[in-house]
PDB file of N, CA and C in Angstrom:
ATOM      1  N   MET A   1       0.840  -1.181   0.000  1.00  0.00           N
ATOM      2  CA  MET A   1       0.000   0.000   0.000  1.00  0.00           C
ATOM      3  C   MET A   1       0.888   1.248   0.000  1.00  0.00           C
ATOM      4  N   ALA A   2       0.531   2.207  -0.818  1.00  0.00           N
ATOM      5  CA  ALA A   2       1.325   3.417  -0.955  1.00  0.00           C
ATOM      6  C   ALA A   2       1.263   4.256   0.315  1.00  0.00           C
ATOM      7  N   ARG A   3       2.342   4.950   0.572  1.00  0.00           N
ATOM      8  CA  ARG A   3       2.386   5.818   1.741  1.00  0.00           C
ATOM      9  C   ARG A   3       1.367   6.930   1.557  1.00  0.00           C
ATOM     10  N   GLY A   4       0.607   7.224   2.591  1.00  0.00           N
ATOM     11  CA  GLY A   4      -0.411   8.254   2.503  1.00  0.00           C
ATOM     12  C   GLY A   4      -1.760   7.714   2.067  1.00  0.00           C
ATOM     13  N   SER A   5      -1.840   6.422   1.777  1.00  0.00           N
ATOM     14  CA  SER A   5      -3.098   5.826   1.360  1.00  0.00           C
ATOM     15  C   SER A   5      -4.034   5.705   2.554  1.00  0.00           C
ATOM     16  N   LYS A   6      -5.297   5.985   2.348  1.00  0.00           N
ATOM     17  CA  LYS A   6      -6.289   5.919   3.428  1.00  0.00           C
ATOM     18  C   LYS A   6      -7.132   4.650   3.318  1.00  0.00           C
ATOM     19  N   LYS A   7      -6.634   3.680   2.553  1.00  0.00           N
ATOM     20  CA  LYS A   7      -7.382   2.466   2.244  1.00  0.00           C
ATOM     21  C   LYS A   7      -7.699   1.620   3.484  1.00  0.00           C
ATOM     22  N   SER A   8      -6.767   1.556   4.425  1.00  0.00           N
ATOM     23  CA  SER A   8      -6.953   0.660   5.569  1.00  0.00           C
ATOM     24  C   SER A   8      -7.768   1.278   6.709  1.00  0.00           C
ATOM     25  N   TYR A   9      -8.220   2.529   6.544  1.00  0.00           N
ATOM     26  CA  TYR A   9      -9.027   3.156   7.583  1.00  0.00           C
ATOM     27  C   TYR A   9     -10.476   2.701   7.467  1.00  0.00           C
ATOM     28  N   THR A  10     -11.135   2.544   8.601  1.00  0.00           N
ATOM     29  CA  THR A  10     -12.547   2.179   8.592  1.00  0.00           C
ATOM     30  C   THR A  10     -13.366   3.422   8.264  1.00  0.00           C
ATOM     31  N   SER A  11     -14.642   3.212   7.967  1.00  0.00           N
ATOM     32  CA  SER A  11     -15.504   4.362   7.652  1.00  0.00           C
ATOM     33  C   SER A  11     -15.650   5.268   8.875  1.00  0.00           C
ATOM     34  N   LYS A  12     -15.642   4.685  10.062  1.00  0.00           N
ATOM     35  CA  LYS A  12     -15.739   5.483  11.292  1.00  0.00           C
ATOM     36  C   LYS A  12     -14.507   6.376  11.440  1.00  0.00           C
ATOM     37  N   GLN A  13     -13.323   5.826  11.175  1.00  0.00           N
ATOM     38  CA  GLN A  13     -12.097   6.610  11.280  1.00  0.00           C
ATOM     39  C   GLN A  13     -12.068   7.734  10.244  1.00  0.00           C
ATOM     40  N   LYS A  14     -12.519   7.445   9.036  1.00  0.00           N
ATOM     41  CA  LYS A  14     -12.567   8.472   7.994  1.00  0.00           C
ATOM     42  C   LYS A  14     -13.535   9.580   8.381  1.00  0.00           C
ATOM     43  N   ARG A  15     -14.682   9.187   8.944  1.00  0.00           N
ATOM     44  CA  ARG A  15     -15.683  10.162   9.379  1.00  0.00           C
ATOM     45  C   ARG A  15     -15.117  11.047  10.497  1.00  0.00           C
ATOM     46  N   GLN A  16     -14.427  10.425  11.452  1.00  0.00           N
ATOM     47  CA  GLN A  16     -13.821  11.192  12.545  1.00  0.00           C
ATOM     48  C   GLN A  16     -12.796  12.177  12.002  1.00  0.00           C
ATOM     49  N   ALA A  17     -11.970  11.722  11.064  1.00  0.00           N
ATOM     50  CA  ALA A  17     -10.951  12.586  10.479  1.00  0.00           C
ATOM     51  C   ALA A  17     -11.585  13.765   9.748  1.00  0.00           C
ATOM     52  N   ARG A  18     -12.703  13.498   9.050  1.00  0.00           N
ATOM     53  CA  ARG A  18     -13.402  14.582   8.343  1.00  0.00           C
ATOM     54  C   ARG A  18     -13.875  15.646   9.322  1.00  0.00           C
ATOM     55  N   HIS A  19     -14.424  15.230  10.457  1.00  0.00           N
ATOM     56  CA  HIS A  19     -14.917  16.186  11.459  1.00  0.00           C
ATOM     57  C   HIS A  19     -13.762  16.998  12.050  1.00  0.00           C
ATOM     58  N   ILE A  20     -12.664  16.330  12.337  1.00  0.00           N
ATOM     59  CA  ILE A  20     -11.495  17.018  12.892  1.00  0.00           C
ATOM     60  C   ILE A  20     -10.938  18.009  11.869  1.00  0.00           C
ATOM     61  N   GLU A  21     -10.919  17.582  10.615  1.00  0.00           N
ATOM     62  CA  GLU A  21     -10.429  18.436   9.534  1.00  0.00           C
ATOM     63  C   GLU A  21     -11.293  19.690   9.398  1.00  0.00           C
ATOM     64  N   GLU A  22     -12.595  19.534   9.452  1.00  0.00           N
ATOM     65  CA  GLU A  22     -13.510  20.678   9.345  1.00  0.00           C
ATOM     66  C   GLU A  22     -13.267  21.682  10.466  1.00  0.00           C
ATOM     67  N   SER A  23     -13.063  21.170  11.686  1.00  0.00           N
ATOM     68  CA  SER A  23     -12.844  22.084  12.807  1.00  0.00           C
ATOM     69  C   SER A  23     -11.508  22.813  12.657  1.00  0.00           C
ATOM     70  N   GLY A  24     -10.512  22.143  12.109  1.00  0.00           N
ATOM     71  CA  GLY A  24      -9.227  22.796  11.866  1.00  0.00           C
ATOM     72  C   GLY A  24      -9.336  23.916  10.847  1.00  0.00           C
ATOM     73  N   GLU A  25     -10.080  23.663   9.787  1.00  0.00           N
ATOM     74  CA  GLU A  25     -10.289  24.687   8.760  1.00  0.00           C
ATOM     75  C   GLU A  25     -11.079  25.858   9.313  1.00  0.00           C
ATOM     76  N   LYS A  26     -12.036  25.555  10.177  1.00  0.00           N
ATOM     77  CA  LYS A  26     -12.851  26.602  10.791  1.00  0.00           C
ATOM     78  C   LYS A  26     -11.981  27.521  11.656  1.00  0.00           C
ATOM     79  N   ARG A  27     -10.907  26.952  12.239  1.00  0.00           N
ATOM     80  CA  ARG A  27      -9.996  27.735  13.079  1.00  0.00           C
ATOM     81  C   ARG A  27      -8.907  28.433  12.273  1.00  0.00           C
ATOM     82  N   GLY A  28      -8.972  28.337  10.931  1.00  0.00           N
ATOM     83  CA  GLY A  28      -8.063  29.094  10.082  1.00  0.00           C
ATOM     84  C   GLY A  28      -6.877  28.323   9.541  1.00  0.00           C
ATOM     85  N   MET A  29      -6.847  27.014   9.711  1.00  0.00           N
ATOM     86  CA  MET A  29      -5.757  26.190   9.179  1.00  0.00           C
ATOM     87  C   MET A  29      -5.947  25.986   7.684  1.00  0.00           C
ATOM     88  N   SER A  30      -4.859  25.787   6.969  1.00  0.00           N
ATOM     89  CA  SER A  30      -4.990  25.470   5.547  1.00  0.00           C
ATOM     90  C   SER A  30      -5.602  24.072   5.415  1.00  0.00           C
ATOM     91  N   ALA A  31      -6.210  23.804   4.277  1.00  0.00           N
ATOM     92  CA  ALA A  31      -6.883  22.517   4.072  1.00  0.00           C
ATOM     93  C   ALA A  31      -5.898  21.355   4.158  1.00  0.00           C
ATOM     94  N   LYS A  32      -4.701  21.547   3.605  1.00  0.00           N
ATOM     95  CA  LYS A  32      -3.687  20.489   3.611  1.00  0.00           C
ATOM     96  C   LYS A  32      -3.212  20.199   5.036  1.00  0.00           C
ATOM     97  N   ARG A  33      -2.961  21.249   5.800  1.00  0.00           N
ATOM     98  CA  ARG A  33      -2.496  21.097   7.183  1.00  0.00           C
ATOM     99  C   ARG A  33      -3.601  20.483   8.048  1.00  0.00           C
ATOM    100  N   ALA A  34      -4.844  20.896   7.826  1.00  0.00           N
ATOM    101  CA  ALA A  34      -5.973  20.374   8.602  1.00  0.00           C
ATOM    102  C   ALA A  34      -6.148  18.873   8.350  1.00  0.00           C
ATOM    103  N   ALA A  35      -5.992  18.443   7.099  1.00  0.00           N
ATOM    104  CA  ALA A  35      -6.116  17.018   6.770  1.00  0.00           C
ATOM    105  C   ALA A  35      -5.007  16.212   7.435  1.00  0.00           C
ATOM    106  N   ALA A  36      -3.790  16.733   7.412  1.00  0.00           N
ATOM    107  CA  ALA A  36      -2.661  16.042   8.043  1.00  0.00           C
ATOM    108  C   ALA A  36      -2.875  15.927   9.544  1.00  0.00           C
ATOM    109  N   MET A  37      -3.333  17.000  10.163  1.00  0.00           N
ATOM    110  CA  MET A  37      -3.584  17.012  11.599  1.00  0.00           C
ATOM    111  C   MET A  37      -4.710  16.051  11.960  1.00  0.00           C
ATOM    112  N   ALA A  38      -5.729  15.987  11.117  1.00  0.00           N
ATOM    113  CA  ALA A  38      -6.877  15.123  11.383  1.00  0.00           C
ATOM    114  C   ALA A  38      -6.478  13.651  11.396  1.00  0.00           C
ATOM    115  N   TYR A  39      -5.727  13.228  10.385  1.00  0.00           N
ATOM    116  CA  TYR A  39      -5.313  11.827  10.343  1.00  0.00           C
ATOM    117  C   TYR A  39      -4.260  11.515  11.400  1.00  0.00           C
ATOM    118  N   ALA A  40      -3.448  12.504  11.763  1.00  0.00           N
ATOM    119  CA  ALA A  40      -2.486  12.293  12.851  1.00  0.00           C
ATOM    120  C   ALA A  40      -3.226  12.048  14.161  1.00  0.00           C
ATOM    121  N   THR A  41      -4.322  12.762  14.374  1.00  0.00           N
ATOM    122  CA  THR A  41      -5.120  12.593  15.585  1.00  0.00           C
ATOM    123  C   THR A  41      -5.788  11.230  15.599  1.00  0.00           C
ATOM    124  N   VAL A  42      -6.354  10.818  14.462  1.00  0.00           N
ATOM    125  CA  VAL A  42      -6.996   9.502  14.375  1.00  0.00           C
ATOM    126  C   VAL A  42      -5.956   8.403  14.605  1.00  0.00           C
ATOM    127  N   ASN A  43      -4.755   8.570  14.040  1.00  0.00           N
ATOM    128  CA  ASN A  43      -3.681   7.601  14.251  1.00  0.00           C
ATOM    129  C   ASN A  43      -3.305   7.510  15.721  1.00  0.00           C
ATOM    130  N   LYS A  44      -3.249   8.662  16.370  1.00  0.00           N
ATOM    131  CA  LYS A  44      -2.872   8.685  17.787  1.00  0.00           C
ATOM    132  C   LYS A  44      -3.923   7.961  18.625  1.00  0.00           C
ATOM    133  N   GLN A  45      -5.183   8.143  18.269  1.00  0.00           N
ATOM    134  CA  GLN A  45      -6.269   7.507  19.029  1.00  0.00           C
ATOM    135  C   GLN A  45      -6.312   6.005  18.805  1.00  0.00           C
ATOM    136  N   ASP A  46      -6.190   5.577  17.562  1.00  0.00           N
ATOM    137  CA  ASP A  46      -6.423   4.173  17.220  1.00  0.00           C
ATOM    138  C   ASP A  46      -5.173   3.388  16.864  1.00  0.00           C
ATOM    139  N   GLY A  47      -4.043   4.035  16.785  1.00  0.00           N
ATOM    140  CA  GLY A  47      -2.823   3.336  16.408  1.00  0.00           C
ATOM    141  C   GLY A  47      -2.777   2.993  14.935  1.00  0.00           C
ATOM    142  N   GLY A  48      -3.297   3.842  14.073  1.00  0.00           N
ATOM    143  CA  GLY A  48      -3.266   3.614  12.624  1.00  0.00           C
ATOM    144  C   GLY A  48      -4.549   3.017  12.102  1.00  0.00           C
ATOM    145  N   GLY A  49      -4.524   2.622  10.845  1.00  0.00           N
ATOM    146  CA  GLY A  49      -5.694   2.037  10.205  1.00  0.00           C
ATOM    147  C   GLY A  49      -6.054   0.707  10.833  1.00  0.00           C
ATOM    148  N   LYS A  50      -7.317   0.367  10.814  1.00  0.00           N
ATOM    149  CA  LYS A  50      -7.796  -0.889  11.399  1.00  0.00           C
ATOM    150  C   LYS A  50      -8.105  -1.875  10.287  1.00  0.00           C
ATOM    151  N   LYS A  51      -7.895  -3.130  10.555  1.00  0.00           N
ATOM    152  CA  LYS A  51      -8.309  -4.172   9.628  1.00  0.00           C
ATOM    153  C   LYS A  51      -9.251  -5.100  10.378  1.00  0.00           C
ATOM    154  N   SER A  52     -10.226  -5.642   9.669  1.00  0.00           N
ATOM    155  CA  SER A  52     -11.205  -6.488  10.322  1.00  0.00           C
ATOM    156  C   SER A  52     -10.594  -7.837  10.684  1.00  0.00           C
ATOM    157  N   GLY A  53     -11.228  -8.516  11.594  1.00  0.00           N
ATOM    158  CA  GLY A  53     -10.759  -9.843  11.975  1.00  0.00           C
ATOM    159  C   GLY A  53     -10.802 -10.032  13.472  1.00  0.00           C
ATOM    160  N   SER A  54     -10.989 -11.248  13.884  1.00  0.00           N
ATOM    161  CA  SER A  54     -11.086 -11.557  15.298  1.00  0.00           C
ATOM    162  C   SER A  54      -9.738 -11.365  15.983  1.00  0.00           C
ATOM    163  N   GLY A  55      -9.756 -10.768  17.137  1.00  0.00           N
ATOM    164  CA  GLY A  55      -8.550 -10.607  17.930  1.00  0.00           C
ATOM    165  C   GLY A  55      -7.644  -9.486  17.486  1.00  0.00           C
ATOM    166  N   ARG A  56      -8.114  -8.634  16.585  1.00  0.00           N
ATOM    167  CA  ARG A  56      -7.268  -7.549  16.100  1.00  0.00           C
ATOM    168  C   ARG A  56      -7.510  -6.244  16.843  1.00  0.00           C
ATOM    169  N   GLY A  57      -8.457  -6.245  17.745  1.00  0.00           N
ATOM    170  CA  GLY A  57      -8.824  -5.000  18.413  1.00  0.00           C
ATOM    171  C   GLY A  57      -7.743  -4.491  19.335  1.00  0.00           C
ATOM    172  N   LYS A  58      -7.608  -3.176  19.393  1.00  0.00           N
ATOM    173  CA  LYS A  58      -6.683  -2.533  20.319  1.00  0.00           C
ATOM    174  C   LYS A  58      -7.465  -1.473  21.071  1.00  0.00           C
ATOM    175  N   LYS A  59      -6.986  -1.134  22.241  1.00  0.00           N
ATOM    176  CA  LYS A  59      -7.650  -0.091  23.011  1.00  0.00           C
ATOM    177  C   LYS A  59      -7.490   1.253  22.320  1.00  0.00           C
ATOM    178  N   ARG A  60      -8.484   2.104  22.510  1.00  0.00           N
ATOM    179  CA  ARG A  60      -8.434   3.455  21.975  1.00  0.00           C
ATOM    180  C   ARG A  60      -7.886   4.391  23.030  1.00  0.00           C
ATOM    181  N   SER A  61      -7.142   5.387  22.608  1.00  0.00           N
ATOM    182  CA  SER A  61      -6.672   6.422  23.513  1.00  0.00           C
ATOM    183  C   SER A  61      -7.523   7.660  23.265  1.00  0.00           C
ATOM    184  N   THR A  62      -8.152   8.169  24.305  1.00  0.00           N
ATOM    185  CA  THR A  62      -8.994   9.353  24.128  1.00  0.00           C
ATOM    186  C   THR A  62      -8.308  10.600  24.666  1.00  0.00           C
ATOM    187  N   ALA A  63      -6.994  10.550  24.810  1.00  0.00           N
ATOM    188  CA  ALA A  63      -6.245  11.675  25.386  1.00  0.00           C
ATOM    189  C   ALA A  63      -6.432  12.959  24.576  1.00  0.00           C
ATOM    190  N   SER A  64      -6.368  12.869  23.251  1.00  0.00           N
ATOM    191  CA  SER A  64      -6.477  14.084  22.435  1.00  0.00           C
ATOM    192  C   SER A  64      -7.883  14.682  22.509  1.00  0.00           C
ATOM    193  N   SER A  65      -8.906  13.839  22.639  1.00  0.00           N
ATOM    194  CA  SER A  65     -10.275  14.347  22.767  1.00  0.00           C
ATOM    195  C   SER A  65     -10.444  15.082  24.094  1.00  0.00           C
ATOM    196  N   ARG A  66      -9.891  14.507  25.144  1.00  0.00           N
ATOM    197  CA  ARG A  66      -9.978  15.142  26.463  1.00  0.00           C
ATOM    198  C   ARG A  66      -9.248  16.472  26.465  1.00  0.00           C
ATOM    199  N   LYS A  67      -8.080  16.482  25.830  1.00  0.00           N
ATOM    200  CA  LYS A  67      -7.271  17.699  25.780  1.00  0.00           C
ATOM    201  C   LYS A  67      -8.046  18.809  25.080  1.00  0.00           C
ATOM    202  N   GLY A  68      -8.680  18.476  23.967  1.00  0.00           N
ATOM    203  CA  GLY A  68      -9.445  19.477  23.227  1.00  0.00           C
ATOM    204  C   GLY A  68     -10.597  20.032  24.036  1.00  0.00           C
ATOM    205  N   GLY A  69     -11.258  19.173  24.782  1.00  0.00           N
ATOM    206  CA  GLY A  69     -12.380  19.613  25.606  1.00  0.00           C
ATOM    207  C   GLY A  69     -11.942  20.483  26.769  1.00  0.00           C
ATOM    208  N   ARG A  70     -10.762  20.221  27.294  1.00  0.00           N
ATOM    209  CA  ARG A  70     -10.282  20.969  28.447  1.00  0.00           C
ATOM    210  C   ARG A  70      -9.592  22.264  28.054  1.00  0.00           C
ATOM    211  N   LYS A  71      -9.176  22.361  26.806  1.00  0.00           N
ATOM    212  CA  LYS A  71      -8.258  23.413  26.411  1.00  0.00           C
ATOM    213  C   LYS A  71      -8.876  24.809  26.370  1.00  0.00           C
ATOM    214  N   GLY A  72     -10.053  24.968  25.812  1.00  0.00           N
ATOM    215  CA  GLY A  72     -10.488  26.340  25.577  1.00  0.00           C
ATOM    216  C   GLY A  72     -11.911  26.628  25.991  1.00  0.00           C
ATOM    217  N   GLY A  73     -12.295  27.879  25.825  1.00  0.00           N
ATOM    218  CA  GLY A  73     -13.670  28.250  26.014  1.00  0.00           C
ATOM    219  C   GLY A  73     -14.020  28.722  27.408  1.00  0.00           C
ATOM    220  N   ARG A  74     -15.291  29.030  27.559  1.00  0.00           N
ATOM    221  CA  ARG A  74     -15.815  29.594  28.788  1.00  0.00           C
ATOM    222  C   ARG A  74     -15.676  28.643  29.979  1.00  0.00           C
ATOM    223  N   ALA A  75     -15.944  27.363  29.726  1.00  0.00           N
ATOM    224  CA  ALA A  75     -15.916  26.389  30.814  1.00  0.00           C
ATOM    225  C   ALA A  75     -14.534  26.284  31.437  1.00  0.00           C
ATOM    226  N   ARG A  76     -13.503  26.458  30.629  1.00  0.00           N
ATOM    227  CA  ARG A  76     -12.131  26.339  31.118  1.00  0.00           C
ATOM    228  C   ARG A  76     -11.842  27.403  32.185  1.00  0.00           C
ATOM    229  N   LYS A  77     -12.371  28.598  32.008  1.00  0.00           N
ATOM    230  CA  LYS A  77     -12.111  29.690  32.953  1.00  0.00           C
ATOM    231  C   LYS A  77     -12.698  29.413  34.329  1.00  0.00           C
ATOM    232  N   SER A  78     -13.788  28.670  34.362  1.00  0.00           N
ATOM    233  CA  SER A  78     -14.449  28.408  35.639  1.00  0.00           C
ATOM    234  C   SER A  78     -13.811  27.283  36.425  1.00  0.00           C
ATOM    235  N   ARG A  79     -12.902  26.516  35.789  1.00  0.00           N
ATOM    236  CA  ARG A  79     -12.273  25.376  36.481  1.00  0.00           C
ATOM    237  C   ARG A  79     -11.173  25.811  37.403  1.00  0.00           C
TER     238      ARG A  79
END
């Protein structure tokens, strides 16, 4: 598989990356940088693309999601 190929990602991972990419663009990032950041985040959470099959599951890391929720906004000031 070619480097940069998104073939091994599940539809859920692609959907998550799309949402992350949209939020990056909304914050003023270039489209190319937002896409790179989005897939880097999905990779960090899931350890790369997933393939189907019994016993292939790995735990998910939700550290980046927690960080994003804690990082900004009105709620952060009250903590």
